[in-house]
Amino acid sequence: MNSRYIRTTLAALTTSVLSVGVLAACGDDSDDAESTVTVTQEAPADDASDSAAATTTSQSDGNGSGSTGSSDSNGTAVDAASALEAALDAKSGAYAVEVDEEDGRAWEVKLVEDGKGVELTIDASTGEVTGEKSASLDAEQQEALSVTAADAIDAALAEKPGTLDSLDLDDDNGTVVWEATVIDGTQEWDIVIDASSGDILRADQDD
């Protein structure tokens, strides 16, 4: 009877030990499962965070680009040379005889096309042609000369670096000349250029 009691006790102890082992194993699995779940939950959170960050960056870049575009569209005013180029592009085969700035808003470029005068208005911000009308021509403007308006602009700015305000083909005591006005800071210069040779005939400060 004692022997049976001992065997029963041992069997009970063995079962208890196995049960504890199974529970322990289950406990480990549970921990692992919790760990796995936690990682699984954190991973999407990180992904979402990264996605949100990417979205934020993309939106920021989009706004930045829009801002830059806006700045460019309202940006630096078109200079005389660019206005002249825009006018000549619009009237292939024509030549220019006058370039004048109008209150910083536009340029007026007078061209000779097929022997007739035409005046184009160029937007000073965009460089687009916004107007066109016929224009009268002086005698000295009837024939294209070897020194073009573009050449005269280059010569004037080489003589007095600054901003060209106006350029006109005119007669100076029997000599056909380009008369340019250049603003250098607070000073204004009147520069006379021989329309045949490109020589600077004089450069006077305008009082």
N, C-alpha and C. Protein backbone atom coordinates (compact mmCIF):
# COMPACT_ATOMS: atom_id res chain seq x y z
N MET A 1 0.82 -1.22 0.00
CA MET A 1 0.00 0.00 0.00
C MET A 1 0.84 1.26 0.00
N ASN A 2 1.91 1.17 0.68
CA ASN A 2 2.84 2.32 0.69
C ASN A 2 3.47 2.50 -0.67
N SER A 3 3.77 1.35 -1.29
CA SER A 3 4.40 1.40 -2.62
C SER A 3 3.46 2.05 -3.62
N ARG A 4 2.15 1.69 -3.54
CA ARG A 4 1.17 2.30 -4.45
C ARG A 4 1.03 3.78 -4.18
N TYR A 5 1.09 4.14 -2.96
CA TYR A 5 0.98 5.55 -2.57
C TYR A 5 2.15 6.34 -3.14
N ILE A 6 3.28 5.70 -3.05
CA ILE A 6 4.49 6.38 -3.55
C ILE A 6 4.39 6.57 -5.05
N ARG A 7 3.94 5.47 -5.76
CA ARG A 7 3.83 5.57 -7.22
C ARG A 7 2.80 6.64 -7.61
N THR A 8 1.72 6.68 -6.89
CA THR A 8 0.67 7.69 -7.18
C THR A 8 1.21 9.10 -6.95
N THR A 9 1.92 9.23 -5.87
CA THR A 9 2.50 10.54 -5.56
C THR A 9 3.49 10.97 -6.63
N LEU A 10 4.33 10.04 -7.06
CA LEU A 10 5.32 10.35 -8.11
C LEU A 10 4.61 10.72 -9.42
N ALA A 11 3.55 9.97 -9.71
CA ALA A 11 2.80 10.28 -10.95
C ALA A 11 2.19 11.67 -10.86
N ALA A 12 1.66 11.98 -9.69
CA ALA A 12 1.05 13.31 -9.50
C ALA A 12 2.09 14.39 -9.63
N LEU A 13 3.26 14.14 -9.03
CA LEU A 13 4.34 15.11 -9.11
C LEU A 13 4.79 15.29 -10.56
N THR A 14 4.90 14.15 -11.26
CA THR A 14 5.33 14.22 -12.67
C THR A 14 4.34 15.04 -13.49
N THR A 15 3.04 14.78 -13.25
CA THR A 15 2.00 15.52 -13.98
C THR A 15 2.07 17.00 -13.66
N SER A 16 2.32 17.30 -12.38
CA SER A 16 2.42 18.71 -11.97
C SER A 16 3.59 19.39 -12.66
N VAL A 17 4.71 18.66 -12.68
CA VAL A 17 5.91 19.22 -13.31
C VAL A 17 5.67 19.48 -14.79
N LEU A 18 5.03 18.51 -15.44
CA LEU A 18 4.74 18.67 -16.86
C LEU A 18 3.79 19.84 -17.09
N SER A 19 2.81 19.94 -16.19
CA SER A 19 1.85 21.04 -16.31
C SER A 19 2.54 22.38 -16.18
N VAL A 20 3.42 22.43 -15.19
CA VAL A 20 4.18 23.68 -15.00
C VAL A 20 5.01 23.99 -16.23
N GLY A 21 5.63 22.93 -16.78
CA GLY A 21 6.45 23.14 -17.99
C GLY A 21 5.62 23.64 -19.15
N VAL A 22 4.42 23.00 -19.29
CA VAL A 22 3.54 23.44 -20.39
C VAL A 22 3.11 24.88 -20.18
N LEU A 23 2.74 25.19 -18.94
CA LEU A 23 2.33 26.57 -18.64
C LEU A 23 3.46 27.55 -18.89
N ALA A 24 4.65 27.12 -18.48
CA ALA A 24 5.82 27.99 -18.70
C ALA A 24 6.04 28.21 -20.18
N ALA A 25 5.91 27.07 -20.91
CA ALA A 25 6.09 27.18 -22.36
C ALA A 25 5.04 28.10 -22.96
N CYS A 26 3.81 27.89 -22.47
CA CYS A 26 2.73 28.76 -22.96
C CYS A 26 3.00 30.21 -22.60
N GLY A 27 3.53 30.36 -21.39
CA GLY A 27 3.86 31.73 -20.97
C GLY A 27 4.90 32.33 -21.88
N ASP A 28 5.91 31.53 -22.26
CA ASP A 28 6.94 32.04 -23.17
C ASP A 28 6.35 32.39 -24.51
N ASP A 29 5.45 31.46 -25.00
CA ASP A 29 4.83 31.73 -26.29
C ASP A 29 4.00 32.99 -26.24
N SER A 30 3.32 33.14 -25.10
CA SER A 30 2.48 34.33 -24.96
C SER A 30 3.31 35.59 -25.00
N ASP A 31 4.47 35.50 -24.26
CA ASP A 31 5.36 36.66 -24.26
C ASP A 31 5.85 36.95 -25.67
N ASP A 32 6.23 35.82 -26.34
CA ASP A 32 6.72 36.01 -27.70
C ASP A 32 5.64 36.60 -28.58
N ALA A 33 4.42 36.10 -28.39
CA ALA A 33 3.31 36.60 -29.20
C ALA A 33 3.09 38.07 -28.93
N GLU A 34 3.14 38.43 -27.61
CA GLU A 34 2.96 39.84 -27.27
C GLU A 34 4.05 40.68 -27.89
N SER A 35 5.28 40.15 -27.81
CA SER A 35 6.41 40.87 -28.39
C SER A 35 6.21 41.05 -29.88
N THR A 36 5.77 39.94 -30.50
CA THR A 36 5.55 40.00 -31.95
C THR A 36 4.45 40.99 -32.30
N VAL A 37 3.39 40.97 -31.52
CA VAL A 37 2.28 41.91 -31.76
C VAL A 37 2.74 43.33 -31.58
N THR A 38 3.52 43.55 -30.52
CA THR A 38 4.01 44.90 -30.26
C THR A 38 4.84 45.40 -31.42
N VAL A 39 5.74 44.55 -31.91
CA VAL A 39 6.58 44.94 -33.05
C VAL A 39 5.71 45.21 -34.27
N THR A 40 4.73 44.33 -34.46
CA THR A 40 3.84 44.50 -35.61
C THR A 40 3.08 45.83 -35.52
N GLN A 41 2.67 46.21 -34.33
CA GLN A 41 1.94 47.46 -34.15
C GLN A 41 2.85 48.66 -34.34
N GLU A 42 4.09 48.53 -33.86
CA GLU A 42 5.00 49.65 -33.95
C GLU A 42 5.45 49.87 -35.39
N ALA A 43 5.61 48.76 -36.15
CA ALA A 43 6.08 48.89 -37.52
C ALA A 43 5.16 49.74 -38.36
N PRO A 44 3.83 49.47 -38.34
CA PRO A 44 2.94 50.35 -39.11
C PRO A 44 2.98 51.78 -38.64
N ALA A 45 3.13 51.94 -37.28
CA ALA A 45 3.18 53.31 -36.75
C ALA A 45 4.37 54.04 -37.34
N ASP A 46 5.55 53.30 -37.38
CA ASP A 46 6.75 53.92 -37.95
C ASP A 46 6.54 54.22 -39.42
N ASP A 47 5.93 53.21 -40.11
CA ASP A 47 5.68 53.41 -41.53
C ASP A 47 4.78 54.60 -41.75
N ALA A 48 3.74 54.70 -40.92
CA ALA A 48 2.81 55.83 -41.05
C ALA A 48 3.53 57.14 -40.80
N SER A 49 4.44 57.10 -39.78
CA SER A 49 5.19 58.31 -39.46
C SER A 49 6.06 58.71 -40.64
N ASP A 50 6.75 57.65 -41.21
CA ASP A 50 7.59 57.93 -42.37
C ASP A 50 6.76 58.45 -43.53
N SER A 51 5.59 57.82 -43.72
CA SER A 51 4.72 58.25 -44.81
C SER A 51 4.26 59.68 -44.61
N ALA A 52 3.89 59.98 -43.34
CA ALA A 52 3.45 61.35 -43.04
C ALA A 52 4.58 62.33 -43.28
N ALA A 53 5.81 61.90 -42.85
CA ALA A 53 6.96 62.78 -43.06
C ALA A 53 7.19 63.00 -44.54
N ALA A 54 7.07 61.89 -45.31
CA ALA A 54 7.26 62.02 -46.75
C ALA A 54 6.22 62.94 -47.34
N THR A 55 4.97 62.77 -46.86
CA THR A 55 3.90 63.63 -47.36
C THR A 55 4.15 65.08 -47.03
N THR A 56 4.60 65.32 -45.78
CA THR A 56 4.90 66.69 -45.36
C THR A 56 5.99 67.29 -46.22
N THR A 57 7.05 66.48 -46.47
CA THR A 57 8.15 66.97 -47.29
C THR A 57 7.67 67.30 -48.69
N SER A 58 6.85 66.40 -49.25
CA SER A 58 6.33 66.62 -50.59
C SER A 58 5.50 67.90 -50.66
N GLN A 59 4.65 68.09 -49.63
CA GLN A 59 3.82 69.30 -49.61
C GLN A 59 4.68 70.53 -49.48
N SER A 60 5.72 70.41 -48.65
CA SER A 60 6.60 71.56 -48.45
C SER A 60 7.29 71.91 -49.75
N ASP A 61 7.78 70.85 -50.48
CA ASP A 61 8.45 71.10 -51.74
C ASP A 61 7.49 71.72 -52.74
N GLY A 62 6.24 71.24 -52.73
CA GLY A 62 5.26 71.77 -53.67
C GLY A 62 5.01 73.24 -53.43
N ASN A 63 4.87 73.60 -52.13
CA ASN A 63 4.65 75.01 -51.82
C ASN A 63 5.86 75.84 -52.18
N GLY A 64 7.05 75.24 -51.92
CA GLY A 64 8.26 75.97 -52.24
C GLY A 64 8.35 76.27 -53.72
N SER A 65 8.03 75.23 -54.54
CA SER A 65 8.11 75.42 -55.97
C SER A 65 7.12 76.48 -56.42
N GLY A 66 5.90 76.44 -55.85
CA GLY A 66 4.89 77.44 -56.23
C GLY A 66 5.36 78.83 -55.90
N SER A 67 5.98 78.96 -54.71
CA SER A 67 6.45 80.27 -54.28
C SER A 67 7.53 80.80 -55.21
N THR A 68 8.44 79.87 -55.59
CA THR A 68 9.52 80.27 -56.49
C THR A 68 8.96 80.70 -57.83
N GLY A 69 7.97 79.89 -58.33
CA GLY A 69 7.37 80.24 -59.61
C GLY A 69 6.74 81.61 -59.56
N SER A 70 6.05 81.89 -58.45
CA SER A 70 5.40 83.19 -58.30
C SER A 70 6.42 84.29 -58.30
N SER A 71 7.53 84.02 -57.61
CA SER A 71 8.59 85.02 -57.55
C SER A 71 9.16 85.28 -58.93
N ASP A 72 9.36 84.15 -59.71
CA ASP A 72 9.90 84.28 -61.04
C ASP A 72 8.95 85.05 -61.96
N SER A 73 7.66 84.76 -61.86
CA SER A 73 6.70 85.40 -62.75
C SER A 73 6.58 86.89 -62.48
N ASN A 74 6.88 87.30 -61.22
CA ASN A 74 6.81 88.71 -60.90
C ASN A 74 8.20 89.32 -60.80
N GLY A 75 9.20 88.53 -61.22
CA GLY A 75 10.58 88.86 -60.90
C GLY A 75 11.20 90.05 -61.58
N THR A 76 12.50 89.93 -61.84
CA THR A 76 13.30 91.02 -62.36
C THR A 76 12.70 91.59 -63.63
N ALA A 77 12.62 92.91 -63.71
CA ALA A 77 12.05 93.56 -64.88
C ALA A 77 12.89 93.26 -66.11
N VAL A 78 12.24 93.15 -67.24
CA VAL A 78 12.90 92.90 -68.52
C VAL A 78 13.72 94.13 -68.89
N ASP A 79 14.99 93.92 -69.26
CA ASP A 79 15.83 95.06 -69.61
C ASP A 79 15.65 95.43 -71.08
N ALA A 80 16.34 96.48 -71.50
CA ALA A 80 16.17 97.00 -72.86
C ALA A 80 16.55 95.97 -73.91
N ALA A 81 17.66 95.27 -73.68
CA ALA A 81 18.13 94.28 -74.65
C ALA A 81 17.12 93.15 -74.80
N SER A 82 16.53 92.70 -73.68
CA SER A 82 15.55 91.63 -73.73
C SER A 82 14.26 92.09 -74.41
N ALA A 83 13.85 93.32 -74.14
CA ALA A 83 12.66 93.87 -74.78
C ALA A 83 12.87 93.97 -76.29
N LEU A 84 14.05 94.40 -76.67
CA LEU A 84 14.39 94.51 -78.09
C LEU A 84 14.35 93.14 -78.76
N GLU A 85 14.91 92.15 -78.08
CA GLU A 85 14.92 90.79 -78.63
C GLU A 85 13.51 90.25 -78.79
N ALA A 86 12.66 90.51 -77.81
CA ALA A 86 11.27 90.04 -77.89
C ALA A 86 10.54 90.67 -79.07
N ALA A 87 10.79 91.96 -79.30
CA ALA A 87 10.14 92.66 -80.40
C ALA A 87 10.62 92.12 -81.75
N LEU A 88 11.92 91.90 -81.87
CA LEU A 88 12.48 91.39 -83.13
C LEU A 88 12.04 89.95 -83.40
N ASP A 89 11.86 89.18 -82.34
CA ASP A 89 11.36 87.81 -82.50
C ASP A 89 9.93 87.82 -83.03
N ALA A 90 9.17 88.81 -82.58
CA ALA A 90 7.77 88.90 -83.01
C ALA A 90 7.64 89.39 -84.45
N LYS A 91 8.65 90.12 -84.92
CA LYS A 91 8.62 90.67 -86.28
C LYS A 91 9.90 90.27 -87.01
N SER A 92 9.90 89.06 -87.48
CA SER A 92 11.08 88.55 -88.18
C SER A 92 11.37 89.38 -89.43
N GLY A 93 12.63 89.78 -89.60
CA GLY A 93 13.03 90.57 -90.75
C GLY A 93 12.97 92.06 -90.54
N ALA A 94 12.38 92.52 -89.44
CA ALA A 94 12.31 93.95 -89.14
C ALA A 94 13.59 94.39 -88.43
N TYR A 95 13.79 95.70 -88.36
CA TYR A 95 14.91 96.25 -87.59
C TYR A 95 14.40 97.37 -86.69
N ALA A 96 15.09 97.58 -85.58
CA ALA A 96 14.63 98.54 -84.57
C ALA A 96 15.28 99.90 -84.75
N VAL A 97 14.48 100.94 -84.44
CA VAL A 97 15.01 102.31 -84.51
C VAL A 97 14.82 103.06 -83.20
N GLU A 98 13.99 102.52 -82.30
CA GLU A 98 13.78 103.15 -80.99
C GLU A 98 13.46 102.09 -79.94
N VAL A 99 13.97 102.33 -78.74
CA VAL A 99 13.63 101.50 -77.58
C VAL A 99 13.44 102.45 -76.40
N ASP A 100 12.25 102.47 -75.83
CA ASP A 100 11.98 103.41 -74.74
C ASP A 100 11.23 102.72 -73.60
N GLU A 101 11.63 103.01 -72.37
CA GLU A 101 10.94 102.47 -71.20
C GLU A 101 9.78 103.38 -70.84
N GLU A 102 8.66 102.78 -70.45
CA GLU A 102 7.48 103.54 -70.07
C GLU A 102 7.14 103.29 -68.60
N ASP A 103 7.68 104.12 -67.72
CA ASP A 103 7.36 104.10 -66.28
C ASP A 103 7.61 102.75 -65.62
N GLY A 104 8.54 101.98 -66.13
CA GLY A 104 8.88 100.70 -65.52
C GLY A 104 7.87 99.61 -65.75
N ARG A 105 6.77 99.92 -66.44
CA ARG A 105 5.72 98.93 -66.67
C ARG A 105 5.85 98.23 -68.01
N ALA A 106 6.41 98.96 -68.99
CA ALA A 106 6.48 98.40 -70.34
C ALA A 106 7.62 99.07 -71.12
N TRP A 107 7.97 98.41 -72.21
CA TRP A 107 8.91 98.98 -73.17
C TRP A 107 8.15 99.21 -74.47
N GLU A 108 8.48 100.32 -75.14
CA GLU A 108 7.95 100.57 -76.47
C GLU A 108 9.11 100.48 -77.45
N VAL A 109 8.99 99.56 -78.39
CA VAL A 109 10.05 99.32 -79.37
C VAL A 109 9.50 99.63 -80.76
N LYS A 110 10.11 100.62 -81.41
CA LYS A 110 9.69 100.97 -82.77
C LYS A 110 10.54 100.20 -83.76
N LEU A 111 9.86 99.53 -84.67
CA LEU A 111 10.53 98.73 -85.70
C LEU A 111 10.17 99.25 -87.08
N VAL A 112 11.01 98.89 -88.04
CA VAL A 112 10.70 99.14 -89.45
C VAL A 112 10.50 97.78 -90.09
N GLU A 113 9.29 97.55 -90.59
CA GLU A 113 8.93 96.28 -91.22
C GLU A 113 8.39 96.57 -92.61
N ASP A 114 9.09 96.06 -93.61
CA ASP A 114 8.69 96.29 -95.00
C ASP A 114 8.53 97.78 -95.30
N GLY A 115 9.46 98.58 -94.75
CA GLY A 115 9.45 100.01 -95.02
C GLY A 115 8.45 100.81 -94.21
N LYS A 116 7.69 100.15 -93.35
CA LYS A 116 6.68 100.84 -92.55
C LYS A 116 7.02 100.74 -91.06
N GLY A 117 6.64 101.79 -90.33
CA GLY A 117 6.91 101.80 -88.90
C GLY A 117 5.84 101.07 -88.10
N VAL A 118 6.28 100.31 -87.13
CA VAL A 118 5.34 99.62 -86.24
C VAL A 118 5.92 99.68 -84.83
N GLU A 119 5.06 99.98 -83.89
CA GLU A 119 5.51 100.08 -82.49
C GLU A 119 4.89 98.96 -81.68
N LEU A 120 5.77 98.18 -81.01
CA LEU A 120 5.32 97.08 -80.17
C LEU A 120 5.48 97.47 -78.70
N THR A 121 4.52 97.06 -77.90
CA THR A 121 4.60 97.25 -76.45
C THR A 121 4.99 95.93 -75.82
N ILE A 122 6.04 95.96 -75.01
CA ILE A 122 6.56 94.75 -74.36
C ILE A 122 6.37 94.88 -72.86
N ASP A 123 5.71 93.91 -72.25
CA ASP A 123 5.51 93.92 -70.80
C ASP A 123 6.86 93.85 -70.10
N ALA A 124 7.12 94.78 -69.18
CA ALA A 124 8.42 94.87 -68.52
C ALA A 124 8.64 93.77 -67.49
N SER A 125 7.59 93.05 -67.12
CA SER A 125 7.73 91.95 -66.16
C SER A 125 7.88 90.60 -66.83
N THR A 126 7.13 90.39 -67.91
CA THR A 126 7.11 89.08 -68.56
C THR A 126 7.86 89.02 -69.88
N GLY A 127 8.08 90.17 -70.52
CA GLY A 127 8.74 90.17 -71.83
C GLY A 127 7.80 89.82 -72.97
N GLU A 128 6.50 89.75 -72.70
CA GLU A 128 5.52 89.41 -73.73
C GLU A 128 5.08 90.65 -74.50
N VAL A 129 4.79 90.45 -75.78
CA VAL A 129 4.26 91.54 -76.60
C VAL A 129 2.79 91.72 -76.24
N THR A 130 2.44 92.90 -75.76
CA THR A 130 1.07 93.15 -75.32
C THR A 130 0.32 94.15 -76.19
N GLY A 131 1.02 94.76 -77.15
CA GLY A 131 0.35 95.73 -78.00
C GLY A 131 1.13 95.99 -79.28
N GLU A 132 0.41 96.47 -80.28
CA GLU A 132 1.03 96.79 -81.57
C GLU A 132 0.24 97.88 -82.26
N LYS A 133 0.97 98.85 -82.83
CA LYS A 133 0.30 99.91 -83.58
C LYS A 133 1.26 100.46 -84.63
N SER A 134 0.72 101.11 -85.62
CA SER A 134 1.57 101.71 -86.65
C SER A 134 2.26 102.95 -86.08
N ALA A 135 3.41 103.29 -86.65
CA ALA A 135 4.17 104.43 -86.15
C ALA A 135 4.83 105.16 -87.32
N SER A 136 4.97 106.45 -87.17
CA SER A 136 5.61 107.25 -88.21
C SER A 136 7.13 107.08 -88.11
N LEU A 137 7.81 107.34 -89.22
CA LEU A 137 9.26 107.20 -89.26
C LEU A 137 9.91 108.50 -89.68
N ASP A 138 11.03 108.82 -89.05
CA ASP A 138 11.84 109.96 -89.47
C ASP A 138 12.70 109.53 -90.66
N ALA A 139 13.27 110.52 -91.34
CA ALA A 139 14.05 110.23 -92.54
C ALA A 139 15.21 109.29 -92.25
N GLU A 140 15.90 109.51 -91.12
CA GLU A 140 17.07 108.69 -90.80
C GLU A 140 16.71 107.27 -90.38
N GLN A 141 15.41 107.03 -90.16
CA GLN A 141 14.97 105.71 -89.74
C GLN A 141 14.49 104.84 -90.90
N GLN A 142 14.57 105.39 -92.10
CA GLN A 142 14.04 104.68 -93.26
C GLN A 142 14.95 103.56 -93.75
N GLU A 143 16.20 103.59 -93.34
CA GLU A 143 17.15 102.60 -93.86
C GLU A 143 17.94 101.97 -92.72
N ALA A 144 18.09 100.66 -92.78
CA ALA A 144 18.85 99.94 -91.76
C ALA A 144 20.33 100.29 -91.88
N LEU A 145 20.97 100.47 -90.74
CA LEU A 145 22.38 100.84 -90.71
C LEU A 145 23.22 99.66 -90.19
N SER A 146 24.52 99.77 -90.39
CA SER A 146 25.41 98.66 -90.01
C SER A 146 25.47 98.46 -88.49
N VAL A 147 25.29 99.53 -87.72
CA VAL A 147 25.27 99.42 -86.26
C VAL A 147 23.81 99.28 -85.83
N THR A 148 23.46 98.11 -85.39
CA THR A 148 22.07 97.83 -85.01
C THR A 148 21.75 98.40 -83.63
N ALA A 149 20.49 98.35 -83.29
CA ALA A 149 20.07 98.81 -81.96
C ALA A 149 20.74 97.98 -80.88
N ALA A 150 20.86 96.68 -81.10
CA ALA A 150 21.53 95.81 -80.12
C ALA A 150 23.00 96.19 -79.96
N ASP A 151 23.65 96.51 -81.09
CA ASP A 151 25.05 96.95 -81.04
C ASP A 151 25.17 98.26 -80.25
N ALA A 152 24.22 99.16 -80.48
CA ALA A 152 24.25 100.45 -79.81
C ALA A 152 24.04 100.29 -78.30
N ILE A 153 23.16 99.39 -77.90
CA ILE A 153 22.95 99.13 -76.47
C ILE A 153 24.24 98.62 -75.83
N ASP A 154 24.90 97.68 -76.50
CA ASP A 154 26.16 97.14 -75.98
C ASP A 154 27.22 98.23 -75.85
N ALA A 155 27.31 99.09 -76.87
CA ALA A 155 28.31 100.16 -76.85
C ALA A 155 28.04 101.17 -75.74
N ALA A 156 26.77 101.52 -75.57
CA ALA A 156 26.41 102.50 -74.53
C ALA A 156 26.72 101.97 -73.14
N LEU A 157 26.38 100.70 -72.89
CA LEU A 157 26.61 100.12 -71.56
C LEU A 157 28.09 99.82 -71.32
N ALA A 158 28.84 99.62 -72.39
CA ALA A 158 30.29 99.45 -72.24
C ALA A 158 30.93 100.79 -71.86
N GLU A 159 30.38 101.86 -72.39
CA GLU A 159 30.90 103.20 -72.08
C GLU A 159 30.54 103.62 -70.66
N LYS A 160 29.28 103.39 -70.28
CA LYS A 160 28.80 103.76 -68.95
C LYS A 160 27.94 102.61 -68.41
N PRO A 161 28.53 101.69 -67.66
CA PRO A 161 27.75 100.57 -67.12
C PRO A 161 26.58 101.09 -66.27
N GLY A 162 25.45 100.49 -66.46
CA GLY A 162 24.24 100.90 -65.74
C GLY A 162 23.02 100.28 -66.38
N THR A 163 21.92 101.00 -66.38
CA THR A 163 20.66 100.52 -66.97
C THR A 163 20.28 101.43 -68.11
N LEU A 164 20.08 100.84 -69.28
CA LEU A 164 19.69 101.64 -70.42
C LEU A 164 18.20 101.99 -70.32
N ASP A 165 17.91 103.28 -70.42
CA ASP A 165 16.53 103.76 -70.27
C ASP A 165 15.87 104.02 -71.61
N SER A 166 16.67 104.46 -72.59
CA SER A 166 16.09 104.72 -73.91
C SER A 166 17.19 104.70 -74.98
N LEU A 167 16.75 104.45 -76.20
CA LEU A 167 17.66 104.44 -77.35
C LEU A 167 16.88 104.90 -78.56
N ASP A 168 17.40 105.92 -79.26
CA ASP A 168 16.71 106.46 -80.43
C ASP A 168 17.71 106.68 -81.56
N LEU A 169 17.27 106.36 -82.77
CA LEU A 169 18.06 106.66 -83.96
C LEU A 169 17.69 108.07 -84.40
N ASP A 170 18.72 108.94 -84.48
CA ASP A 170 18.44 110.37 -84.73
C ASP A 170 19.51 110.96 -85.63
N ASP A 171 19.30 112.21 -85.97
CA ASP A 171 20.26 112.96 -86.79
C ASP A 171 20.97 113.97 -85.91
N ASP A 172 22.30 113.98 -85.97
CA ASP A 172 23.09 114.90 -85.16
C ASP A 172 24.01 115.70 -86.09
N ASN A 173 23.51 116.86 -86.49
CA ASN A 173 24.26 117.73 -87.40
C ASN A 173 24.70 117.00 -88.67
N GLY A 174 23.76 116.29 -89.27
CA GLY A 174 24.05 115.61 -90.54
C GLY A 174 24.58 114.20 -90.38
N THR A 175 24.86 113.78 -89.16
CA THR A 175 25.36 112.42 -88.91
C THR A 175 24.27 111.60 -88.24
N VAL A 176 24.01 110.45 -88.79
CA VAL A 176 22.99 109.58 -88.18
C VAL A 176 23.62 108.91 -86.96
N VAL A 177 22.96 109.07 -85.83
CA VAL A 177 23.53 108.56 -84.57
C VAL A 177 22.46 107.82 -83.76
N TRP A 178 22.96 107.02 -82.85
CA TRP A 178 22.12 106.46 -81.80
C TRP A 178 22.29 107.31 -80.56
N GLU A 179 21.18 107.78 -80.02
CA GLU A 179 21.24 108.54 -78.77
C GLU A 179 20.70 107.65 -77.65
N ALA A 180 21.57 107.34 -76.69
CA ALA A 180 21.20 106.43 -75.60
C ALA A 180 21.20 107.17 -74.27
N THR A 181 20.29 106.80 -73.41
CA THR A 181 20.26 107.32 -72.04
C THR A 181 20.52 106.16 -71.10
N VAL A 182 21.57 106.30 -70.29
CA VAL A 182 21.96 105.25 -69.35
C VAL A 182 21.90 105.81 -67.94
N ILE A 183 21.26 105.08 -67.05
CA ILE A 183 21.19 105.49 -65.65
C ILE A 183 22.18 104.66 -64.85
N ASP A 184 23.12 105.36 -64.22
CA ASP A 184 24.16 104.72 -63.44
C ASP A 184 23.96 105.13 -61.98
N GLY A 185 23.22 104.32 -61.24
CA GLY A 185 22.91 104.69 -59.87
C GLY A 185 21.96 105.87 -59.86
N THR A 186 22.44 107.01 -59.35
CA THR A 186 21.61 108.23 -59.32
C THR A 186 21.98 109.17 -60.46
N GLN A 187 22.95 108.79 -61.27
CA GLN A 187 23.40 109.63 -62.37
C GLN A 187 22.80 109.18 -63.70
N GLU A 188 22.54 110.14 -64.56
CA GLU A 188 21.99 109.84 -65.88
C GLU A 188 22.95 110.37 -66.93
N TRP A 189 23.23 109.50 -67.92
CA TRP A 189 24.19 109.84 -68.96
C TRP A 189 23.52 109.83 -70.33
N ASP A 190 23.86 110.82 -71.14
CA ASP A 190 23.42 110.86 -72.54
C ASP A 190 24.63 110.48 -73.39
N ILE A 191 24.49 109.38 -74.11
CA ILE A 191 25.60 108.86 -74.89
C ILE A 191 25.22 108.87 -76.37
N VAL A 192 26.11 109.43 -77.18
CA VAL A 192 25.87 109.53 -78.61
C VAL A 192 26.82 108.60 -79.34
N ILE A 193 26.25 107.73 -80.18
CA ILE A 193 27.03 106.70 -80.86
C ILE A 193 26.85 106.85 -82.37
N ASP A 194 27.96 106.87 -83.10
CA ASP A 194 27.90 106.95 -84.56
C ASP A 194 27.22 105.68 -85.08
N ALA A 195 26.14 105.85 -85.85
CA ALA A 195 25.36 104.71 -86.31
C ALA A 195 26.01 103.96 -87.47
N SER A 196 27.09 104.52 -88.00
CA SER A 196 27.80 103.84 -89.09
C SER A 196 29.03 103.10 -88.60
N SER A 197 29.73 103.70 -87.62
CA SER A 197 30.99 103.10 -87.14
C SER A 197 30.88 102.46 -85.77
N GLY A 198 29.92 102.89 -84.96
CA GLY A 198 29.80 102.39 -83.59
C GLY A 198 30.66 103.15 -82.61
N ASP A 199 31.35 104.19 -83.07
CA ASP A 199 32.21 104.98 -82.19
C ASP A 199 31.37 105.83 -81.23
N ILE A 200 31.88 106.01 -80.03
CA ILE A 200 31.24 106.90 -79.06
C ILE A 200 31.66 108.33 -79.39
N LEU A 201 30.70 109.14 -79.77
CA LEU A 201 31.00 110.52 -80.12
C LEU A 201 31.08 111.41 -78.89
N ARG A 202 30.24 111.13 -77.90
CA ARG A 202 30.30 111.85 -76.64
C ARG A 202 29.44 111.16 -75.60
N ALA A 203 29.78 111.42 -74.35
CA ALA A 203 29.03 110.89 -73.21
C ALA A 203 28.92 112.01 -72.18
N ASP A 204 27.76 112.58 -72.06
CA ASP A 204 27.55 113.73 -71.17
C ASP A 204 26.64 113.36 -70.01
N GLN A 205 27.02 113.85 -68.83
CA GLN A 205 26.16 113.63 -67.66
C GLN A 205 25.00 114.60 -67.73
N ASP A 206 23.80 114.06 -67.57
CA ASP A 206 22.61 114.88 -67.62
C ASP A 206 22.36 115.53 -66.28
N ASP A 207 22.34 116.87 -66.27
CA ASP A 207 22.06 117.59 -65.04
C ASP A 207 20.57 117.61 -64.79
